[in-house]
N, C-alpha and C. Protein backbone atom coordinates (compact mmCIF):
# COMPACT_ATOMS: atom_id res chain seq x y z
N MET A 1 8.52 0.58 -4.10
CA MET A 1 9.24 1.33 -5.06
C MET A 1 8.84 0.83 -6.30
N LEU A 2 8.75 1.89 -7.25
CA LEU A 2 8.20 1.65 -8.69
C LEU A 2 9.44 1.03 -9.37
N GLN A 3 9.23 -0.03 -9.91
CA GLN A 3 10.29 -0.76 -10.69
C GLN A 3 10.12 -0.64 -12.20
N HIS A 4 8.94 -0.49 -12.58
CA HIS A 4 8.63 -0.45 -14.11
C HIS A 4 7.39 0.27 -14.35
N LEU A 5 7.54 1.09 -15.40
CA LEU A 5 6.40 1.84 -15.88
C LEU A 5 6.15 1.56 -17.44
N GLN A 6 4.94 1.30 -17.86
CA GLN A 6 4.67 1.00 -19.21
C GLN A 6 3.43 1.93 -19.58
N VAL A 7 3.64 2.77 -20.60
CA VAL A 7 2.77 3.71 -21.08
C VAL A 7 2.33 3.43 -22.54
N LYS A 8 0.98 3.33 -22.89
CA LYS A 8 0.65 3.11 -24.30
C LYS A 8 -0.42 4.08 -24.70
N ASN A 9 -0.22 4.77 -25.95
CA ASN A 9 -1.32 5.61 -26.47
C ASN A 9 -1.67 6.73 -25.59
N PHE A 10 -0.66 7.37 -24.93
CA PHE A 10 -1.04 8.44 -24.00
C PHE A 10 -0.33 9.64 -24.66
N ALA A 11 -1.14 10.61 -24.79
CA ALA A 11 -0.64 11.91 -25.44
C ALA A 11 -0.01 11.60 -26.69
N ILE A 12 1.32 11.96 -26.79
CA ILE A 12 2.06 11.80 -28.03
C ILE A 12 2.77 10.46 -27.99
N ILE A 13 2.71 9.74 -26.84
CA ILE A 13 3.44 8.43 -26.75
C ILE A 13 2.71 7.28 -27.32
N ASP A 14 3.36 6.54 -28.25
CA ASP A 14 2.77 5.45 -28.82
C ASP A 14 2.87 4.29 -27.84
N SER A 15 4.22 4.02 -27.37
CA SER A 15 4.59 3.02 -26.41
C SER A 15 5.84 3.26 -25.80
N VAL A 16 5.92 3.22 -24.52
CA VAL A 16 7.22 3.33 -23.87
C VAL A 16 7.36 2.47 -22.48
N GLN A 17 8.38 1.84 -22.29
CA GLN A 17 8.55 1.14 -21.06
C GLN A 17 9.96 1.65 -20.41
N ILE A 18 9.68 1.99 -19.17
CA ILE A 18 11.04 2.35 -18.43
C ILE A 18 11.08 1.56 -17.22
N SER A 19 12.40 1.01 -16.98
CA SER A 19 12.69 0.40 -15.74
C SER A 19 13.57 1.24 -14.78
N PHE A 20 13.17 1.18 -13.53
CA PHE A 20 13.82 2.00 -12.56
C PHE A 20 14.61 1.08 -11.50
N LYS A 21 15.66 1.70 -11.15
CA LYS A 21 16.55 1.05 -10.15
C LYS A 21 16.48 1.50 -8.92
N ASP A 22 17.10 0.78 -7.83
CA ASP A 22 17.03 1.38 -6.37
C ASP A 22 17.81 2.61 -6.37
N GLY A 23 17.42 3.61 -5.50
CA GLY A 23 18.11 4.91 -5.41
C GLY A 23 17.39 5.94 -6.18
N LEU A 24 18.16 7.01 -6.46
CA LEU A 24 17.70 8.02 -7.33
C LEU A 24 17.68 7.75 -8.83
N ASN A 25 16.51 8.04 -9.31
CA ASN A 25 16.27 7.89 -10.73
C ASN A 25 15.90 9.33 -11.31
N ILE A 26 16.57 9.78 -12.32
CA ILE A 26 16.38 10.97 -12.99
C ILE A 26 16.01 10.86 -14.52
N ILE A 27 14.93 11.65 -14.68
CA ILE A 27 14.61 11.72 -16.06
C ILE A 27 14.86 13.02 -16.59
N SER A 28 15.78 13.04 -17.74
CA SER A 28 16.17 14.24 -18.31
C SER A 28 16.10 14.14 -19.74
N GLY A 29 15.91 15.36 -20.30
CA GLY A 29 15.99 15.44 -21.92
C GLY A 29 15.65 16.88 -22.23
N GLU A 30 15.79 16.94 -23.51
CA GLU A 30 15.43 18.30 -24.19
C GLU A 30 14.04 18.58 -23.96
N ALA A 31 13.74 19.93 -24.19
CA ALA A 31 12.28 20.50 -24.13
C ALA A 31 11.51 19.69 -25.21
N GLY A 32 10.38 19.31 -24.81
CA GLY A 32 9.59 18.49 -25.89
C GLY A 32 9.87 17.05 -25.98
N ALA A 33 10.75 16.59 -25.21
CA ALA A 33 11.11 15.06 -25.15
C ALA A 33 10.01 14.24 -24.50
N GLY A 34 9.14 14.74 -23.74
CA GLY A 34 8.07 14.03 -23.12
C GLY A 34 8.18 13.65 -21.52
N LYS A 35 9.19 14.48 -20.93
CA LYS A 35 9.27 14.27 -19.50
C LYS A 35 8.08 14.63 -18.70
N SER A 36 7.38 15.58 -19.03
CA SER A 36 6.28 16.00 -18.40
C SER A 36 5.20 14.99 -18.58
N ILE A 37 5.09 14.53 -19.78
CA ILE A 37 3.98 13.52 -20.15
C ILE A 37 4.25 12.14 -19.27
N LEU A 38 5.49 11.83 -19.18
CA LEU A 38 5.78 10.74 -18.27
C LEU A 38 5.35 10.89 -16.80
N LEU A 39 5.55 12.16 -16.32
CA LEU A 39 5.12 12.49 -14.94
C LEU A 39 3.67 12.51 -14.87
N ARG A 40 3.06 12.98 -15.91
CA ARG A 40 1.53 13.04 -15.83
C ARG A 40 0.94 11.57 -15.85
N SER A 41 1.62 10.72 -16.73
CA SER A 41 1.13 9.30 -16.76
C SER A 41 1.34 8.57 -15.32
N LEU A 42 2.42 8.95 -14.62
CA LEU A 42 2.58 8.51 -13.20
C LEU A 42 1.56 9.01 -12.42
N SER A 43 1.19 10.33 -12.53
CA SER A 43 0.22 10.91 -11.71
C SER A 43 -1.26 10.19 -11.88
N LEU A 44 -1.50 9.95 -13.14
CA LEU A 44 -2.83 9.23 -13.32
C LEU A 44 -2.74 7.82 -12.88
N LEU A 45 -1.61 7.12 -12.89
CA LEU A 45 -1.51 5.70 -12.40
C LEU A 45 -1.68 5.83 -10.93
N MET A 46 -1.50 6.98 -10.21
CA MET A 46 -1.75 7.06 -8.83
C MET A 46 -3.20 7.56 -8.39
N GLY A 47 -4.01 7.61 -9.57
CA GLY A 47 -5.29 7.93 -9.30
C GLY A 47 -5.80 9.22 -9.70
N GLY A 48 -4.87 10.04 -10.39
CA GLY A 48 -5.18 11.34 -10.75
C GLY A 48 -6.35 11.34 -11.73
N LYS A 49 -6.94 12.40 -11.91
CA LYS A 49 -8.13 12.76 -12.80
C LYS A 49 -7.70 12.73 -14.25
N SER A 50 -8.41 12.12 -15.05
CA SER A 50 -8.24 11.86 -16.51
C SER A 50 -9.12 12.79 -17.27
N THR A 51 -8.53 13.08 -18.60
CA THR A 51 -9.43 13.85 -19.63
C THR A 51 -9.33 12.93 -20.97
N GLN A 52 -10.28 13.00 -21.78
CA GLN A 52 -10.28 12.32 -22.94
C GLN A 52 -9.20 12.77 -23.94
N ASP A 53 -8.80 13.90 -23.96
CA ASP A 53 -7.73 14.44 -24.78
C ASP A 53 -6.39 13.92 -24.60
N MET A 54 -6.20 13.17 -23.45
CA MET A 54 -4.92 12.46 -23.14
C MET A 54 -4.71 11.21 -23.97
N ILE A 55 -5.72 10.72 -24.55
CA ILE A 55 -5.72 9.46 -25.36
C ILE A 55 -5.09 9.82 -26.62
N ARG A 56 -4.06 9.15 -27.05
CA ARG A 56 -3.23 9.45 -28.34
C ARG A 56 -4.13 9.52 -29.64
N SER A 57 -4.07 10.49 -30.48
CA SER A 57 -4.92 10.56 -31.55
C SER A 57 -4.90 9.31 -32.44
N GLY A 58 -6.23 8.92 -32.68
CA GLY A 58 -6.44 7.65 -33.59
C GLY A 58 -6.47 6.49 -32.66
N ALA A 59 -6.30 6.35 -31.30
CA ALA A 59 -6.36 5.27 -30.47
C ALA A 59 -7.72 5.31 -29.81
N GLU A 60 -8.23 4.07 -29.48
CA GLU A 60 -9.41 3.81 -28.71
C GLU A 60 -9.13 3.93 -27.19
N GLN A 61 -7.93 3.64 -26.89
CA GLN A 61 -7.83 3.58 -25.42
C GLN A 61 -6.27 3.96 -25.08
N ALA A 62 -5.90 4.43 -23.76
CA ALA A 62 -4.71 4.64 -23.30
C ALA A 62 -4.51 3.61 -22.26
N THR A 63 -3.19 3.08 -22.01
CA THR A 63 -3.12 2.23 -20.91
C THR A 63 -1.77 2.64 -20.17
N ILE A 64 -1.86 2.75 -18.80
CA ILE A 64 -0.65 3.05 -17.94
C ILE A 64 -0.42 1.85 -16.97
N GLU A 65 0.62 1.16 -16.96
CA GLU A 65 0.88 0.24 -15.90
C GLU A 65 2.05 0.29 -15.23
N GLY A 66 2.07 0.05 -13.84
CA GLY A 66 3.21 0.21 -13.15
C GLY A 66 3.38 -1.02 -12.23
N LEU A 67 4.74 -1.50 -12.02
CA LEU A 67 5.01 -2.59 -11.29
C LEU A 67 6.05 -2.11 -10.11
N PHE A 68 5.30 -2.41 -8.97
CA PHE A 68 5.97 -1.92 -7.54
C PHE A 68 6.60 -3.03 -6.82
N ASP A 69 7.70 -2.82 -6.17
CA ASP A 69 8.19 -3.80 -5.18
C ASP A 69 7.53 -3.43 -3.81
N ILE A 70 6.69 -4.41 -3.29
CA ILE A 70 6.28 -4.27 -1.95
C ILE A 70 6.66 -5.24 -0.92
N SER A 71 7.86 -5.91 -1.28
CA SER A 71 8.23 -6.91 -0.32
C SER A 71 8.65 -6.40 1.01
N LYS A 72 8.93 -5.08 1.18
CA LYS A 72 9.27 -4.68 2.44
C LYS A 72 8.21 -3.84 3.02
N ARG A 73 6.85 -3.82 2.44
CA ARG A 73 5.72 -3.04 2.71
C ARG A 73 4.62 -3.92 3.16
N SER A 74 4.70 -4.39 4.52
CA SER A 74 3.62 -5.07 5.06
C SER A 74 2.28 -4.32 5.16
N ASP A 75 2.44 -3.07 5.22
CA ASP A 75 1.15 -2.22 5.22
C ASP A 75 0.32 -2.35 3.86
N ILE A 76 1.17 -2.45 2.90
CA ILE A 76 0.42 -2.61 1.57
C ILE A 76 -0.16 -3.89 1.27
N GLN A 77 0.60 -5.04 1.86
CA GLN A 77 0.18 -6.35 1.66
C GLN A 77 -1.01 -6.56 2.53
N GLU A 78 -1.12 -6.00 3.70
CA GLU A 78 -2.25 -6.01 4.58
C GLU A 78 -3.44 -5.48 3.93
N LYS A 79 -3.27 -4.42 3.37
CA LYS A 79 -4.39 -3.62 2.66
C LYS A 79 -4.90 -4.50 1.46
N LEU A 80 -4.05 -5.05 0.68
CA LEU A 80 -4.48 -5.89 -0.40
C LEU A 80 -5.34 -7.01 0.08
N SER A 81 -4.73 -7.78 1.22
CA SER A 81 -5.38 -8.82 1.71
C SER A 81 -6.96 -8.41 2.22
N SER A 82 -6.96 -7.23 2.96
CA SER A 82 -8.20 -6.76 3.44
C SER A 82 -9.25 -6.47 2.23
N LEU A 83 -8.80 -6.22 1.06
CA LEU A 83 -9.79 -5.92 0.02
C LEU A 83 -9.91 -7.15 -0.79
N GLY A 84 -9.26 -8.32 -0.45
CA GLY A 84 -9.56 -9.57 -1.16
C GLY A 84 -8.85 -9.69 -2.49
N ILE A 85 -7.73 -8.87 -2.63
CA ILE A 85 -6.80 -8.78 -3.74
C ILE A 85 -5.62 -9.78 -3.63
N ASP A 86 -5.38 -10.70 -4.50
CA ASP A 86 -4.43 -11.69 -4.52
C ASP A 86 -3.16 -10.92 -4.61
N SER A 87 -2.17 -11.47 -3.88
CA SER A 87 -0.84 -10.89 -3.82
C SER A 87 0.24 -11.90 -3.46
N ASP A 88 1.42 -11.70 -4.25
CA ASP A 88 2.51 -12.68 -4.10
C ASP A 88 3.36 -12.05 -2.93
N GLU A 89 3.08 -11.07 -2.25
CA GLU A 89 3.71 -10.30 -1.19
C GLU A 89 4.95 -9.72 -1.55
N LYS A 90 5.31 -9.73 -2.90
CA LYS A 90 6.52 -9.12 -3.41
C LYS A 90 6.33 -8.00 -4.53
N THR A 91 5.41 -8.24 -5.12
CA THR A 91 5.17 -7.14 -6.32
C THR A 91 3.70 -6.64 -6.23
N LEU A 92 3.50 -5.60 -6.81
CA LEU A 92 2.15 -5.01 -7.01
C LEU A 92 2.15 -4.65 -8.37
N ILE A 93 1.14 -4.97 -9.21
CA ILE A 93 0.80 -4.46 -10.37
C ILE A 93 -0.36 -3.62 -10.42
N VAL A 94 -0.38 -2.28 -10.95
CA VAL A 94 -1.48 -1.39 -11.00
C VAL A 94 -1.63 -1.03 -12.49
N LYS A 95 -2.79 -1.16 -12.93
CA LYS A 95 -3.11 -0.67 -14.35
C LYS A 95 -4.26 0.19 -14.42
N ARG A 96 -4.13 1.27 -15.30
CA ARG A 96 -5.36 2.00 -15.52
C ARG A 96 -5.62 1.98 -17.14
N ILE A 97 -6.77 1.81 -17.38
CA ILE A 97 -7.25 1.93 -18.86
C ILE A 97 -8.28 2.97 -19.14
N PHE A 98 -7.87 3.89 -20.00
CA PHE A 98 -8.70 5.09 -20.16
C PHE A 98 -9.30 4.87 -21.71
N GLN A 99 -10.65 4.84 -21.73
CA GLN A 99 -11.10 4.60 -23.13
C GLN A 99 -11.68 6.03 -23.69
N SER A 100 -11.68 6.08 -25.06
CA SER A 100 -12.17 7.23 -25.69
C SER A 100 -13.51 7.57 -25.36
N SER A 101 -14.42 6.56 -24.98
CA SER A 101 -15.91 6.84 -24.53
C SER A 101 -15.88 7.64 -23.30
N GLY A 102 -14.71 7.74 -22.51
CA GLY A 102 -14.70 8.36 -21.36
C GLY A 102 -14.89 7.51 -20.15
N LYS A 103 -15.05 6.31 -20.56
CA LYS A 103 -14.96 5.27 -19.38
C LYS A 103 -13.49 4.78 -19.06
N GLY A 104 -13.34 4.25 -17.76
CA GLY A 104 -12.16 3.72 -17.54
C GLY A 104 -12.03 2.54 -16.60
N LYS A 105 -10.91 1.92 -16.47
CA LYS A 105 -10.96 0.69 -15.66
C LYS A 105 -9.77 0.74 -14.71
N VAL A 106 -9.76 0.14 -13.60
CA VAL A 106 -8.68 0.09 -12.69
C VAL A 106 -8.40 -1.28 -12.33
N PHE A 107 -6.99 -1.78 -12.61
CA PHE A 107 -6.93 -3.24 -12.19
C PHE A 107 -5.61 -3.05 -11.11
N ILE A 108 -5.87 -3.97 -9.98
CA ILE A 108 -4.75 -4.11 -8.99
C ILE A 108 -4.56 -5.45 -8.96
N ASN A 109 -3.20 -5.88 -9.32
CA ASN A 109 -2.87 -7.37 -9.49
C ASN A 109 -3.95 -8.15 -10.23
N SER A 110 -4.31 -7.60 -11.31
CA SER A 110 -5.18 -8.25 -12.33
C SER A 110 -6.58 -8.37 -11.86
N SER A 111 -6.96 -7.86 -10.60
CA SER A 111 -8.28 -7.70 -10.19
C SER A 111 -8.82 -6.40 -10.48
N LEU A 112 -10.08 -6.52 -11.09
CA LEU A 112 -10.85 -5.16 -11.32
C LEU A 112 -11.05 -4.57 -10.02
N SER A 113 -10.69 -3.24 -10.01
CA SER A 113 -10.83 -2.64 -8.59
C SER A 113 -11.50 -1.20 -8.72
N THR A 114 -11.48 -0.46 -7.78
CA THR A 114 -11.86 0.89 -7.71
C THR A 114 -10.91 1.98 -7.61
N LEU A 115 -11.14 3.13 -8.06
CA LEU A 115 -10.23 4.25 -8.09
C LEU A 115 -9.88 4.40 -6.70
N ASN A 116 -10.78 4.47 -5.75
CA ASN A 116 -10.60 4.67 -4.34
C ASN A 116 -9.60 3.85 -3.81
N ASP A 117 -9.76 2.56 -4.01
CA ASP A 117 -8.87 1.42 -3.57
C ASP A 117 -7.47 1.73 -4.04
N LEU A 118 -7.40 2.04 -5.40
CA LEU A 118 -6.01 2.38 -5.87
C LEU A 118 -5.31 3.48 -5.22
N VAL A 119 -5.97 4.45 -5.06
CA VAL A 119 -5.49 5.62 -4.24
C VAL A 119 -4.92 5.10 -2.92
N GLU A 120 -5.86 4.48 -2.25
CA GLU A 120 -5.42 4.13 -0.77
C GLU A 120 -4.24 3.19 -0.82
N ILE A 121 -4.07 2.31 -1.73
CA ILE A 121 -2.94 1.42 -1.90
C ILE A 121 -1.78 2.01 -2.40
N ILE A 122 -1.84 2.90 -3.40
CA ILE A 122 -0.59 3.39 -4.08
C ILE A 122 -0.01 4.62 -3.43
N SER A 123 -0.82 5.45 -2.94
CA SER A 123 -0.36 6.78 -2.45
C SER A 123 0.77 6.61 -1.46
N PRO A 124 0.99 5.62 -0.59
CA PRO A 124 2.23 5.55 0.35
C PRO A 124 3.49 5.26 -0.64
N LEU A 125 3.32 4.75 -1.73
CA LEU A 125 4.50 4.14 -2.59
C LEU A 125 5.03 5.32 -3.49
N VAL A 126 4.44 6.36 -3.84
CA VAL A 126 5.04 7.27 -4.64
C VAL A 126 4.80 8.60 -4.34
N GLU A 127 5.84 9.56 -4.32
CA GLU A 127 5.75 10.95 -4.15
C GLU A 127 6.29 11.73 -5.27
N ILE A 128 5.48 12.59 -5.93
CA ILE A 128 5.99 13.49 -6.98
C ILE A 128 6.13 14.86 -6.42
N THR A 129 7.33 15.33 -6.62
CA THR A 129 7.46 16.65 -6.14
C THR A 129 8.10 17.53 -7.36
N SER A 130 7.60 18.60 -7.71
CA SER A 130 8.05 19.43 -8.85
C SER A 130 9.07 20.32 -8.39
N ASP A 131 9.77 20.87 -9.35
CA ASP A 131 11.03 21.67 -8.99
C ASP A 131 10.94 22.99 -8.25
N SER A 132 9.67 23.38 -8.21
CA SER A 132 9.26 24.59 -7.41
C SER A 132 8.35 24.32 -5.96
N ALA A 133 8.31 23.17 -5.79
CA ALA A 133 7.65 22.77 -4.58
C ALA A 133 8.58 22.65 -3.46
N PRO A 134 8.10 23.13 -2.27
CA PRO A 134 9.05 23.18 -0.97
C PRO A 134 8.98 21.66 -0.48
N LEU A 135 10.15 21.49 0.01
CA LEU A 135 10.35 20.00 0.79
C LEU A 135 10.34 20.46 2.37
N ILE A 136 9.54 19.72 2.98
CA ILE A 136 9.67 20.03 4.44
C ILE A 136 9.94 18.77 5.31
């Protein structure tokens, strides 16, 4: 479960931190408040494709970081172990850095990692559904 999301220098966001609780979390607000930008940042945290225009104007890099509770996810703990990534077996910290040069970095529990490893580890933890998508 996603417990905390931190976004810096992304689109119009200077810096924002959001904590999530167990159960249903709802992000609401007026048009233009940044709801879609937050969802886009979460999509990028999960391995989505980035573009240079997403970095806030005047910034050298954008950073998106998520803290996940994996205490009940032995599958994630086993995957981290198989990749040689240290884990306290309770939390997973995923961080993506996007540089204005077009380069980016992926960190999993402070270890430099690959985008493929990120996608494999994080995809079972988050599901994003839009308001027009069917649920089956």
